[in-house]
Amino acid sequence: MITIIIHYKGKNGNARKFAKEMIESKLVDEIRKENGNLRYEYYYPLEDNEAVVLIDSWVNQEALDIHHSLPLMSKISKLRDKYDLHMKVEKYESIEDLKDEKYIRK
């Protein structure tokens, strides 16, 4: 599994307006229906009103590459430009043999 965390920053509430428009325009629904998408969720940091965090998970790199090649990516790019957002991106891959299991409370 691959998880992408995108930190969106803007001004005047634009990051939150972007996330709201992504949801209301049904782009989020389209992404969630894509083959290989496991998670696509926006969060608001409590200590930063000018930021939004996206957690986006895929079954593998191939599914993520297909997502990036779809026409809806240009719609997302236009919305990012509309709201003048800046991004910091992190990428994580899950590991099969987690050695720290004893520290995780389920």
PDB file of N, CA and C in Angstrom:
ATOM      1  N   MET A   1       0.840  -1.175   0.000  1.00  0.00           N
ATOM      2  CA  MET A   1       0.000   0.000   0.000  1.00  0.00           C
ATOM      3  C   MET A   1       0.886   1.240   0.000  1.00  0.00           C
ATOM      4  N   ILE A   2       0.442   2.251  -0.702  1.00  0.00           N
ATOM      5  CA  ILE A   2       1.138   3.538  -0.758  1.00  0.00           C
ATOM      6  C   ILE A   2       0.204   4.605  -0.209  1.00  0.00           C
ATOM      7  N   THR A   3       0.723   5.430   0.678  1.00  0.00           N
ATOM      8  CA  THR A   3      -0.053   6.537   1.220  1.00  0.00           C
ATOM      9  C   THR A   3       0.677   7.839   0.917  1.00  0.00           C
ATOM     10  N   ILE A   4      -0.068   8.764   0.372  1.00  0.00           N
ATOM     11  CA  ILE A   4       0.425  10.102   0.065  1.00  0.00           C
ATOM     12  C   ILE A   4      -0.247  11.063   1.045  1.00  0.00           C
ATOM     13  N   ILE A   5       0.554  11.888   1.687  1.00  0.00           N
ATOM     14  CA  ILE A   5       0.013  12.936   2.550  1.00  0.00           C
ATOM     15  C   ILE A   5       0.386  14.269   1.919  1.00  0.00           C
ATOM     16  N   ILE A   6      -0.639  15.039   1.598  1.00  0.00           N
ATOM     17  CA  ILE A   6      -0.413  16.355   0.987  1.00  0.00           C
ATOM     18  C   ILE A   6      -0.865  17.429   1.968  1.00  0.00           C
ATOM     19  N   HIS A   7       0.049  18.338   2.267  1.00  0.00           N
ATOM     20  CA  HIS A   7      -0.233  19.481   3.128  1.00  0.00           C
ATOM     21  C   HIS A   7      -0.477  20.675   2.204  1.00  0.00           C
ATOM     22  N   TYR A   8      -1.711  21.133   2.145  1.00  0.00           N
ATOM     23  CA  TYR A   8      -2.068  22.304   1.341  1.00  0.00           C
ATOM     24  C   TYR A   8      -2.045  23.540   2.227  1.00  0.00           C
ATOM     25  N   LYS A   9      -1.419  24.607   1.741  1.00  0.00           N
ATOM     26  CA  LYS A   9      -1.393  25.880   2.457  1.00  0.00           C
ATOM     27  C   LYS A   9      -1.900  26.970   1.534  1.00  0.00           C
ATOM     28  N   GLY A  10      -2.688  27.876   2.111  1.00  0.00           N
ATOM     29  CA  GLY A  10      -3.197  28.996   1.346  1.00  0.00           C
ATOM     30  C   GLY A  10      -3.368  30.201   2.254  1.00  0.00           C
ATOM     31  N   LYS A  11      -4.106  31.164   1.751  1.00  0.00           N
ATOM     32  CA  LYS A  11      -4.421  32.371   2.519  1.00  0.00           C
ATOM     33  C   LYS A  11      -5.922  32.602   2.453  1.00  0.00           C
ATOM     34  N   ASN A  12      -6.430  33.326   3.445  1.00  0.00           N
ATOM     35  CA  ASN A  12      -7.837  33.717   3.484  1.00  0.00           C
ATOM     36  C   ASN A  12      -8.792  32.526   3.419  1.00  0.00           C
ATOM     37  N   GLY A  13      -8.400  31.409   4.024  1.00  0.00           N
ATOM     38  CA  GLY A  13      -9.263  30.232   4.049  1.00  0.00           C
ATOM     39  C   GLY A  13      -9.312  29.447   2.756  1.00  0.00           C
ATOM     40  N   ASN A  14      -8.399  29.752   1.822  1.00  0.00           N
ATOM     41  CA  ASN A  14      -8.459  29.117   0.500  1.00  0.00           C
ATOM     42  C   ASN A  14      -8.222  27.612   0.514  1.00  0.00           C
ATOM     43  N   ALA A  15      -7.402  27.105   1.436  1.00  0.00           N
ATOM     44  CA  ALA A  15      -7.174  25.657   1.475  1.00  0.00           C
ATOM     45  C   ALA A  15      -8.471  24.936   1.826  1.00  0.00           C
ATOM     46  N   ARG A  16      -9.207  25.475   2.770  1.00  0.00           N
ATOM     47  CA  ARG A  16     -10.486  24.862   3.149  1.00  0.00           C
ATOM     48  C   ARG A  16     -11.530  25.038   2.052  1.00  0.00           C
ATOM     49  N   LYS A  17     -11.507  26.169   1.380  1.00  0.00           N
ATOM     50  CA  LYS A  17     -12.428  26.368   0.253  1.00  0.00           C
ATOM     51  C   LYS A  17     -12.138  25.361  -0.860  1.00  0.00           C
ATOM     52  N   PHE A  18     -10.864  25.095  -1.099  1.00  0.00           N
ATOM     53  CA  PHE A  18     -10.460  24.092  -2.096  1.00  0.00           C
ATOM     54  C   PHE A  18     -11.016  22.721  -1.731  1.00  0.00           C
ATOM     55  N   ALA A  19     -10.808  22.295  -0.488  1.00  0.00           N
ATOM     56  CA  ALA A  19     -11.292  20.978  -0.056  1.00  0.00           C
ATOM     57  C   ALA A  19     -12.810  20.895  -0.171  1.00  0.00           C
ATOM     58  N   LYS A  20     -13.483  21.956   0.202  1.00  0.00           N
ATOM     59  CA  LYS A  20     -14.945  21.987   0.114  1.00  0.00           C
ATOM     60  C   LYS A  20     -15.402  21.859  -1.341  1.00  0.00           C
ATOM     61  N   GLU A  21     -14.747  22.568  -2.236  1.00  0.00           N
ATOM     62  CA  GLU A  21     -15.111  22.479  -3.651  1.00  0.00           C
ATOM     63  C   GLU A  21     -14.785  21.105  -4.232  1.00  0.00           C
ATOM     64  N   MET A  22     -13.682  20.510  -3.794  1.00  0.00           N
ATOM     65  CA  MET A  22     -13.356  19.148  -4.237  1.00  0.00           C
ATOM     66  C   MET A  22     -14.477  18.181  -3.868  1.00  0.00           C
ATOM     67  N   ILE A  23     -15.017  18.340  -2.676  1.00  0.00           N
ATOM     68  CA  ILE A  23     -16.093  17.459  -2.214  1.00  0.00           C
ATOM     69  C   ILE A  23     -17.406  17.787  -2.923  1.00  0.00           C
ATOM     70  N   GLU A  24     -17.771  19.061  -2.951  1.00  0.00           N
ATOM     71  CA  GLU A  24     -19.055  19.461  -3.542  1.00  0.00           C
ATOM     72  C   GLU A  24     -19.130  19.225  -5.040  1.00  0.00           C
ATOM     73  N   SER A  25     -17.998  19.293  -5.725  1.00  0.00           N
ATOM     74  CA  SER A  25     -17.975  19.076  -7.178  1.00  0.00           C
ATOM     75  C   SER A  25     -17.975  17.590  -7.535  1.00  0.00           C
ATOM     76  N   LYS A  26     -17.921  16.743  -6.519  1.00  0.00           N
ATOM     77  CA  LYS A  26     -17.931  15.279  -6.679  1.00  0.00           C
ATOM     78  C   LYS A  26     -16.612  14.717  -7.206  1.00  0.00           C
ATOM     79  N   LEU A  27     -15.563  15.535  -7.289  1.00  0.00           N
ATOM     80  CA  LEU A  27     -14.254  15.017  -7.691  1.00  0.00           C
ATOM     81  C   LEU A  27     -13.756  13.986  -6.681  1.00  0.00           C
ATOM     82  N   VAL A  28     -13.997  14.220  -5.411  1.00  0.00           N
ATOM     83  CA  VAL A  28     -13.580  13.270  -4.381  1.00  0.00           C
ATOM     84  C   VAL A  28     -14.293  11.926  -4.584  1.00  0.00           C
ATOM     85  N   ASP A  29     -15.588  11.982  -4.883  1.00  0.00           N
ATOM     86  CA  ASP A  29     -16.335  10.743  -5.133  1.00  0.00           C
ATOM     87  C   ASP A  29     -15.753   9.981  -6.321  1.00  0.00           C
ATOM     88  N   GLU A  30     -15.400  10.703  -7.382  1.00  0.00           N
ATOM     89  CA  GLU A  30     -14.804  10.063  -8.561  1.00  0.00           C
ATOM     90  C   GLU A  30     -13.489   9.364  -8.204  1.00  0.00           C
ATOM     91  N   ILE A  31     -12.668  10.031  -7.423  1.00  0.00           N
ATOM     92  CA  ILE A  31     -11.376   9.462  -7.031  1.00  0.00           C
ATOM     93  C   ILE A  31     -11.581   8.219  -6.177  1.00  0.00           C
ATOM     94  N   ARG A  32     -12.502   8.292  -5.246  1.00  0.00           N
ATOM     95  CA  ARG A  32     -12.754   7.150  -4.359  1.00  0.00           C
ATOM     96  C   ARG A  32     -13.260   5.918  -5.119  1.00  0.00           C
ATOM     97  N   LYS A  33     -13.861   6.139  -6.280  1.00  0.00           N
ATOM     98  CA  LYS A  33     -14.373   5.032  -7.098  1.00  0.00           C
ATOM     99  C   LYS A  33     -13.302   4.416  -8.002  1.00  0.00           C
ATOM    100  N   GLU A  34     -12.154   5.047  -8.097  1.00  0.00           N
ATOM    101  CA  GLU A  34     -11.093   4.529  -8.961  1.00  0.00           C
ATOM    102  C   GLU A  34     -10.587   3.185  -8.444  1.00  0.00           C
ATOM    103  N   ASN A  35     -10.237   2.314  -9.400  1.00  0.00           N
ATOM    104  CA  ASN A  35      -9.635   1.041  -9.028  1.00  0.00           C
ATOM    105  C   ASN A  35      -8.333   1.290  -8.279  1.00  0.00           C
ATOM    106  N   GLY A  36      -8.206   0.681  -7.125  1.00  0.00           N
ATOM    107  CA  GLY A  36      -6.970   0.792  -6.366  1.00  0.00           C
ATOM    108  C   GLY A  36      -6.970   1.866  -5.307  1.00  0.00           C
ATOM    109  N   ASN A  37      -7.998   2.733  -5.274  1.00  0.00           N
ATOM    110  CA  ASN A  37      -8.030   3.744  -4.228  1.00  0.00           C
ATOM    111  C   ASN A  37      -8.547   3.137  -2.939  1.00  0.00           C
ATOM    112  N   LEU A  38      -7.823   3.343  -1.859  1.00  0.00           N
ATOM    113  CA  LEU A  38      -8.206   2.822  -0.551  1.00  0.00           C
ATOM    114  C   LEU A  38      -8.722   3.915   0.383  1.00  0.00           C
ATOM    115  N   ARG A  39      -8.254   5.139   0.150  1.00  0.00           N
ATOM    116  CA  ARG A  39      -8.600   6.233   1.062  1.00  0.00           C
ATOM    117  C   ARG A  39      -8.337   7.563   0.379  1.00  0.00           C
ATOM    118  N   TYR A  40      -9.248   8.500   0.565  1.00  0.00           N
ATOM    119  CA  TYR A  40      -9.075   9.856   0.061  1.00  0.00           C
ATOM    120  C   TYR A  40      -9.861  10.757   1.004  1.00  0.00           C
ATOM    121  N   GLU A  41      -9.157  11.354   1.986  1.00  0.00           N
ATOM    122  CA  GLU A  41      -9.826  12.118   3.029  1.00  0.00           C
ATOM    123  C   GLU A  41      -9.072  13.406   3.349  1.00  0.00           C
ATOM    124  N   TYR A  42      -9.849  14.475   3.529  1.00  0.00           N
ATOM    125  CA  TYR A  42      -9.284  15.759   3.929  1.00  0.00           C
ATOM    126  C   TYR A  42      -9.441  15.956   5.438  1.00  0.00           C
ATOM    127  N   TYR A  43      -8.441  16.594   6.045  1.00  0.00           N
ATOM    128  CA  TYR A  43      -8.462  16.921   7.469  1.00  0.00           C
ATOM    129  C   TYR A  43      -7.999  18.364   7.650  1.00  0.00           C
ATOM    130  N   TYR A  44      -8.516  18.993   8.711  1.00  0.00           N
ATOM    131  CA  TYR A  44      -8.117  20.350   9.051  1.00  0.00           C
ATOM    132  C   TYR A  44      -7.245  20.325  10.301  1.00  0.00           C
ATOM    133  N   PRO A  45      -6.013  20.818  10.219  1.00  0.00           N
ATOM    134  CA  PRO A  45      -5.177  20.900  11.416  1.00  0.00           C
ATOM    135  C   PRO A  45      -5.786  21.880  12.433  1.00  0.00           C
ATOM    136  N   LEU A  46      -5.828  21.497  13.677  1.00  0.00           N
ATOM    137  CA  LEU A  46      -6.425  22.343  14.713  1.00  0.00           C
ATOM    138  C   LEU A  46      -5.666  23.646  14.922  1.00  0.00           C
ATOM    139  N   GLU A  47      -4.369  23.633  14.666  1.00  0.00           N
ATOM    140  CA  GLU A  47      -3.547  24.800  14.983  1.00  0.00           C
ATOM    141  C   GLU A  47      -3.236  25.675  13.779  1.00  0.00           C
ATOM    142  N   ASP A  48      -3.841  25.373  12.618  1.00  0.00           N
ATOM    143  CA  ASP A  48      -3.543  26.158  11.420  1.00  0.00           C
ATOM    144  C   ASP A  48      -4.783  26.273  10.543  1.00  0.00           C
ATOM    145  N   ASN A  49      -5.451  27.414  10.631  1.00  0.00           N
ATOM    146  CA  ASN A  49      -6.677  27.637   9.854  1.00  0.00           C
ATOM    147  C   ASN A  49      -6.425  27.820   8.365  1.00  0.00           C
ATOM    148  N   GLU A  50      -5.175  27.957   7.981  1.00  0.00           N
ATOM    149  CA  GLU A  50      -4.846  28.176   6.562  1.00  0.00           C
ATOM    150  C   GLU A  50      -4.295  26.908   5.908  1.00  0.00           C
ATOM    151  N   ALA A  51      -4.545  25.748   6.520  1.00  0.00           N
ATOM    152  CA  ALA A  51      -4.011  24.498   5.981  1.00  0.00           C
ATOM    153  C   ALA A  51      -5.090  23.429   5.911  1.00  0.00           C
ATOM    154  N   VAL A  52      -4.867  22.496   5.008  1.00  0.00           N
ATOM    155  CA  VAL A  52      -5.679  21.286   4.879  1.00  0.00           C
ATOM    156  C   VAL A  52      -4.706  20.148   4.600  1.00  0.00           C
ATOM    157  N   VAL A  53      -5.002  18.990   5.155  1.00  0.00           N
ATOM    158  CA  VAL A  53      -4.179  17.806   4.925  1.00  0.00           C
ATOM    159  C   VAL A  53      -5.025  16.772   4.195  1.00  0.00           C
ATOM    160  N   LEU A  54      -4.474  16.215   3.132  1.00  0.00           N
ATOM    161  CA  LEU A  54      -5.120  15.135   2.394  1.00  0.00           C
ATOM    162  C   LEU A  54      -4.361  13.842   2.662  1.00  0.00           C
ATOM    163  N   ILE A  55      -5.082  12.797   3.043  1.00  0.00           N
ATOM    164  CA  ILE A  55      -4.503  11.459   3.160  1.00  0.00           C
ATOM    165  C   ILE A  55      -5.108  10.640   2.035  1.00  0.00           C
ATOM    166  N   ASP A  56      -4.240  10.128   1.179  1.00  0.00           N
ATOM    167  CA  ASP A  56      -4.621   9.501  -0.086  1.00  0.00           C
ATOM    168  C   ASP A  56      -3.872   8.173  -0.194  1.00  0.00           C
ATOM    169  N   SER A  57      -4.592   7.036  -0.145  1.00  0.00           N
ATOM    170  CA  SER A  57      -3.928   5.731  -0.154  1.00  0.00           C
ATOM    171  C   SER A  57      -4.358   4.897  -1.350  1.00  0.00           C
ATOM    172  N   TRP A  58      -3.387   4.143  -1.873  1.00  0.00           N
ATOM    173  CA  TRP A  58      -3.583   3.323  -3.068  1.00  0.00           C
ATOM    174  C   TRP A  58      -3.009   1.932  -2.848  1.00  0.00           C
ATOM    175  N   VAL A  59      -3.538   0.954  -3.564  1.00  0.00           N
ATOM    176  CA  VAL A  59      -3.060  -0.420  -3.385  1.00  0.00           C
ATOM    177  C   VAL A  59      -1.620  -0.580  -3.831  1.00  0.00           C
ATOM    178  N   ASN A  60      -1.193   0.180  -4.856  1.00  0.00           N
ATOM    179  CA  ASN A  60       0.186   0.078  -5.340  1.00  0.00           C
ATOM    180  C   ASN A  60       0.527   1.293  -6.210  1.00  0.00           C
ATOM    181  N   GLN A  61       1.773   1.355  -6.648  1.00  0.00           N
ATOM    182  CA  GLN A  61       2.239   2.482  -7.454  1.00  0.00           C
ATOM    183  C   GLN A  61       1.522   2.541  -8.801  1.00  0.00           C
ATOM    184  N   GLU A  62       1.226   1.389  -9.386  1.00  0.00           N
ATOM    185  CA  GLU A  62       0.537   1.359 -10.674  1.00  0.00           C
ATOM    186  C   GLU A  62      -0.830   2.048 -10.579  1.00  0.00           C
ATOM    187  N   ALA A  63      -1.591   1.772  -9.529  1.00  0.00           N
ATOM    188  CA  ALA A  63      -2.892   2.419  -9.348  1.00  0.00           C
ATOM    189  C   ALA A  63      -2.731   3.927  -9.189  1.00  0.00           C
ATOM    190  N   LEU A  64      -1.713   4.345  -8.465  1.00  0.00           N
ATOM    191  CA  LEU A  64      -1.447   5.776  -8.283  1.00  0.00           C
ATOM    192  C   LEU A  64      -1.041   6.422  -9.609  1.00  0.00           C
ATOM    193  N   ASP A  65      -0.213   5.737 -10.397  1.00  0.00           N
ATOM    194  CA  ASP A  65       0.198   6.265 -11.705  1.00  0.00           C
ATOM    195  C   ASP A  65      -0.998   6.430 -12.632  1.00  0.00           C
ATOM    196  N   ILE A  66      -1.901   5.462 -12.624  1.00  0.00           N
ATOM    197  CA  ILE A  66      -3.115   5.561 -13.451  1.00  0.00           C
ATOM    198  C   ILE A  66      -3.939   6.759 -12.999  1.00  0.00           C
ATOM    199  N   HIS A  67      -4.102   6.922 -11.696  1.00  0.00           N
ATOM    200  CA  HIS A  67      -4.828   8.077 -11.157  1.00  0.00           C
ATOM    201  C   HIS A  67      -4.218   9.388 -11.668  1.00  0.00           C
ATOM    202  N   HIS A  68      -2.894   9.479 -11.625  1.00  0.00           N
ATOM    203  CA  HIS A  68      -2.223  10.705 -12.059  1.00  0.00           C
ATOM    204  C   HIS A  68      -2.366  10.960 -13.556  1.00  0.00           C
ATOM    205  N   SER A  69      -2.656   9.932 -14.339  1.00  0.00           N
ATOM    206  CA  SER A  69      -2.778  10.094 -15.791  1.00  0.00           C
ATOM    207  C   SER A  69      -4.199  10.448 -16.236  1.00  0.00           C
ATOM    208  N   LEU A  70      -5.155  10.435 -15.330  1.00  0.00           N
ATOM    209  CA  LEU A  70      -6.555  10.666 -15.694  1.00  0.00           C
ATOM    210  C   LEU A  70      -6.845  12.150 -15.911  1.00  0.00           C
ATOM    211  N   PRO A  71      -7.853  12.454 -16.762  1.00  0.00           N
ATOM    212  CA  PRO A  71      -8.228  13.852 -17.021  1.00  0.00           C
ATOM    213  C   PRO A  71      -8.644  14.631 -15.771  1.00  0.00           C
ATOM    214  N   LEU A  72      -9.159  13.954 -14.759  1.00  0.00           N
ATOM    215  CA  LEU A  72      -9.578  14.690 -13.565  1.00  0.00           C
ATOM    216  C   LEU A  72      -8.418  15.361 -12.853  1.00  0.00           C
ATOM    217  N   MET A  73      -7.183  14.904 -13.111  1.00  0.00           N
ATOM    218  CA  MET A  73      -6.026  15.559 -12.495  1.00  0.00           C
ATOM    219  C   MET A  73      -5.900  17.012 -12.961  1.00  0.00           C
ATOM    220  N   SER A  74      -6.281  17.285 -14.206  1.00  0.00           N
ATOM    221  CA  SER A  74      -6.217  18.677 -14.678  1.00  0.00           C
ATOM    222  C   SER A  74      -7.270  19.529 -13.970  1.00  0.00           C
ATOM    223  N   LYS A  75      -8.411  18.938 -13.624  1.00  0.00           N
ATOM    224  CA  LYS A  75      -9.426  19.668 -12.858  1.00  0.00           C
ATOM    225  C   LYS A  75      -8.899  20.013 -11.465  1.00  0.00           C
ATOM    226  N   ILE A  76      -8.219  19.044 -10.867  1.00  0.00           N
ATOM    227  CA  ILE A  76      -7.648  19.276  -9.537  1.00  0.00           C
ATOM    228  C   ILE A  76      -6.573  20.368  -9.608  1.00  0.00           C
ATOM    229  N   SER A  77      -5.730  20.312 -10.629  1.00  0.00           N
ATOM    230  CA  SER A  77      -4.675  21.327 -10.798  1.00  0.00           C
ATOM    231  C   SER A  77      -5.275  22.715 -10.974  1.00  0.00           C
ATOM    232  N   LYS A  78      -6.351  22.809 -11.737  1.00  0.00           N
ATOM    233  CA  LYS A  78      -7.016  24.108 -11.938  1.00  0.00           C
ATOM    234  C   LYS A  78      -7.583  24.641 -10.628  1.00  0.00           C
ATOM    235  N   LEU A  79      -8.141  23.755  -9.816  1.00  0.00           N
ATOM    236  CA  LEU A  79      -8.653  24.192  -8.513  1.00  0.00           C
ATOM    237  C   LEU A  79      -7.521  24.649  -7.600  1.00  0.00           C
ATOM    238  N   ARG A  80      -6.401  23.948  -7.628  1.00  0.00           N
ATOM    239  CA  ARG A  80      -5.252  24.377  -6.805  1.00  0.00           C
ATOM    240  C   ARG A  80      -4.783  25.760  -7.239  1.00  0.00           C
ATOM    241  N   ASP A  81      -4.764  25.983  -8.554  1.00  0.00           N
ATOM    242  CA  ASP A  81      -4.382  27.309  -9.061  1.00  0.00           C
ATOM    243  C   ASP A  81      -5.414  28.368  -8.675  1.00  0.00           C
ATOM    244  N   LYS A  82      -6.686  28.024  -8.802  1.00  0.00           N
ATOM    245  CA  LYS A  82      -7.774  28.955  -8.449  1.00  0.00           C
ATOM    246  C   LYS A  82      -7.619  29.472  -7.026  1.00  0.00           C
ATOM    247  N   TYR A  83      -7.251  28.576  -6.114  1.00  0.00           N
ATOM    248  CA  TYR A  83      -7.117  28.947  -4.707  1.00  0.00           C
ATOM    249  C   TYR A  83      -5.687  29.284  -4.311  1.00  0.00           C
ATOM    250  N   ASP A  84      -4.773  29.303  -5.277  1.00  0.00           N
ATOM    251  CA  ASP A  84      -3.370  29.676  -5.064  1.00  0.00           C
ATOM    252  C   ASP A  84      -2.748  28.901  -3.901  1.00  0.00           C
ATOM    253  N   LEU A  85      -2.855  27.570  -3.982  1.00  0.00           N
ATOM    254  CA  LEU A  85      -2.357  26.724  -2.910  1.00  0.00           C
ATOM    255  C   LEU A  85      -0.921  26.280  -3.151  1.00  0.00           C
ATOM    256  N   HIS A  86      -0.209  26.112  -2.059  1.00  0.00           N
ATOM    257  CA  HIS A  86       1.143  25.565  -2.093  1.00  0.00           C
ATOM    258  C   HIS A  86       1.098  24.224  -1.367  1.00  0.00           C
ATOM    259  N   MET A  87       1.961  23.315  -1.778  1.00  0.00           N
ATOM    260  CA  MET A  87       1.874  21.950  -1.286  1.00  0.00           C
ATOM    261  C   MET A  87       3.206  21.431  -0.777  1.00  0.00           C
ATOM    262  N   LYS A  88       3.115  20.604   0.253  1.00  0.00           N
ATOM    263  CA  LYS A  88       4.232  19.781   0.702  1.00  0.00           C
ATOM    264  C   LYS A  88       3.712  18.344   0.637  1.00  0.00           C
ATOM    265  N   VAL A  89       4.475  17.451   0.011  1.00  0.00           N
ATOM    266  CA  VAL A  89       4.002  16.089  -0.218  1.00  0.00           C
ATOM    267  C   VAL A  89       4.931  15.085   0.462  1.00  0.00           C
ATOM    268  N   GLU A  90       4.320  14.120   1.129  1.00  0.00           N
ATOM    269  CA  GLU A  90       5.049  13.013   1.745  1.00  0.00           C
ATOM    270  C   GLU A  90       4.497  11.715   1.161  1.00  0.00           C
ATOM    271  N   LYS A  91       5.361  10.728   0.984  1.00  0.00           N
ATOM    272  CA  LYS A  91       4.942   9.437   0.441  1.00  0.00           C
ATOM    273  C   LYS A  91       5.456   8.328   1.350  1.00  0.00           C
ATOM    274  N   TYR A  92       4.554   7.415   1.692  1.00  0.00           N
ATOM    275  CA  TYR A  92       4.897   6.296   2.573  1.00  0.00           C
ATOM    276  C   TYR A  92       4.439   4.987   1.932  1.00  0.00           C
ATOM    277  N   GLU A  93       5.231   3.949   2.123  1.00  0.00           N
ATOM    278  CA  GLU A  93       4.847   2.616   1.672  1.00  0.00           C
ATOM    279  C   GLU A  93       4.747   1.725   2.898  1.00  0.00           C
ATOM    280  N   SER A  94       3.693   0.918   2.936  1.00  0.00           N
ATOM    281  CA  SER A  94       3.512   0.038   4.086  1.00  0.00           C
ATOM    282  C   SER A  94       4.510  -1.114   4.034  1.00  0.00           C
ATOM    283  N   ILE A  95       4.793  -1.635   5.200  1.00  0.00           N
ATOM    284  CA  ILE A  95       5.687  -2.788   5.278  1.00  0.00           C
ATOM    285  C   ILE A  95       4.878  -3.986   5.780  1.00  0.00           C
ATOM    286  N   GLU A  96       5.227  -5.137   5.298  1.00  0.00           N
ATOM    287  CA  GLU A  96       4.488  -6.344   5.647  1.00  0.00           C
ATOM    288  C   GLU A  96       4.818  -6.848   7.044  1.00  0.00           C
ATOM    289  N   ASP A  97       6.059  -6.764   7.441  1.00  0.00           N
ATOM    290  CA  ASP A  97       6.495  -7.341   8.699  1.00  0.00           C
ATOM    291  C   ASP A  97       6.774  -6.228   9.709  1.00  0.00           C
ATOM    292  N   LEU A  98       5.718  -5.767  10.350  1.00  0.00           N
ATOM    293  CA  LEU A  98       5.851  -4.686  11.310  1.00  0.00           C
ATOM    294  C   LEU A  98       6.410  -5.224  12.628  1.00  0.00           C
ATOM    295  N   LYS A  99       7.590  -4.799  12.974  1.00  0.00           N
ATOM    296  CA  LYS A  99       8.276  -5.297  14.169  1.00  0.00           C
ATOM    297  C   LYS A  99       7.768  -4.641  15.463  1.00  0.00           C
ATOM    298  N   ASP A 100       7.009  -3.569  15.339  1.00  0.00           N
ATOM    299  CA  ASP A 100       6.567  -2.818  16.504  1.00  0.00           C
ATOM    300  C   ASP A 100       5.152  -3.159  16.935  1.00  0.00           C
ATOM    301  N   GLU A 101       4.629  -4.273  16.528  1.00  0.00           N
ATOM    302  CA  GLU A 101       3.245  -4.665  16.806  1.00  0.00           C
ATOM    303  C   GLU A 101       2.915  -4.612  18.302  1.00  0.00           C
ATOM    304  N   LYS A 102       3.869  -4.950  19.169  1.00  0.00           N
ATOM    305  CA  LYS A 102       3.594  -4.972  20.607  1.00  0.00           C
ATOM    306  C   LYS A 102       3.311  -3.580  21.182  1.00  0.00           C
ATOM    307  N   TYR A 103       3.672  -2.524  20.421  1.00  0.00           N
ATOM    308  CA  TYR A 103       3.455  -1.167  20.890  1.00  0.00           C
ATOM    309  C   TYR A 103       2.140  -0.568  20.399  1.00  0.00           C
ATOM    310  N   ILE A 104       1.428  -1.295  19.573  1.00  0.00           N
ATOM    311  CA  ILE A 104       0.208  -0.768  18.962  1.00  0.00           C
ATOM    312  C   ILE A 104      -1.000  -1.321  19.696  1.00  0.00           C
ATOM    313  N   ARG A 105      -1.794  -0.452  20.242  1.00  0.00           N
ATOM    314  CA  ARG A 105      -3.013  -0.844  20.936  1.00  0.00           C
ATOM    315  C   ARG A 105      -4.168  -0.852  19.941  1.00  0.00           C
ATOM    316  N   LYS A 106      -4.826  -1.964  19.834  1.00  0.00           N
ATOM    317  CA  LYS A 106      -5.947  -2.082  18.884  1.00  0.00           C
ATOM    318  C   LYS A 106      -7.270  -2.130  19.608  1.00  0.00           C
TER     319      LYS A 106
END
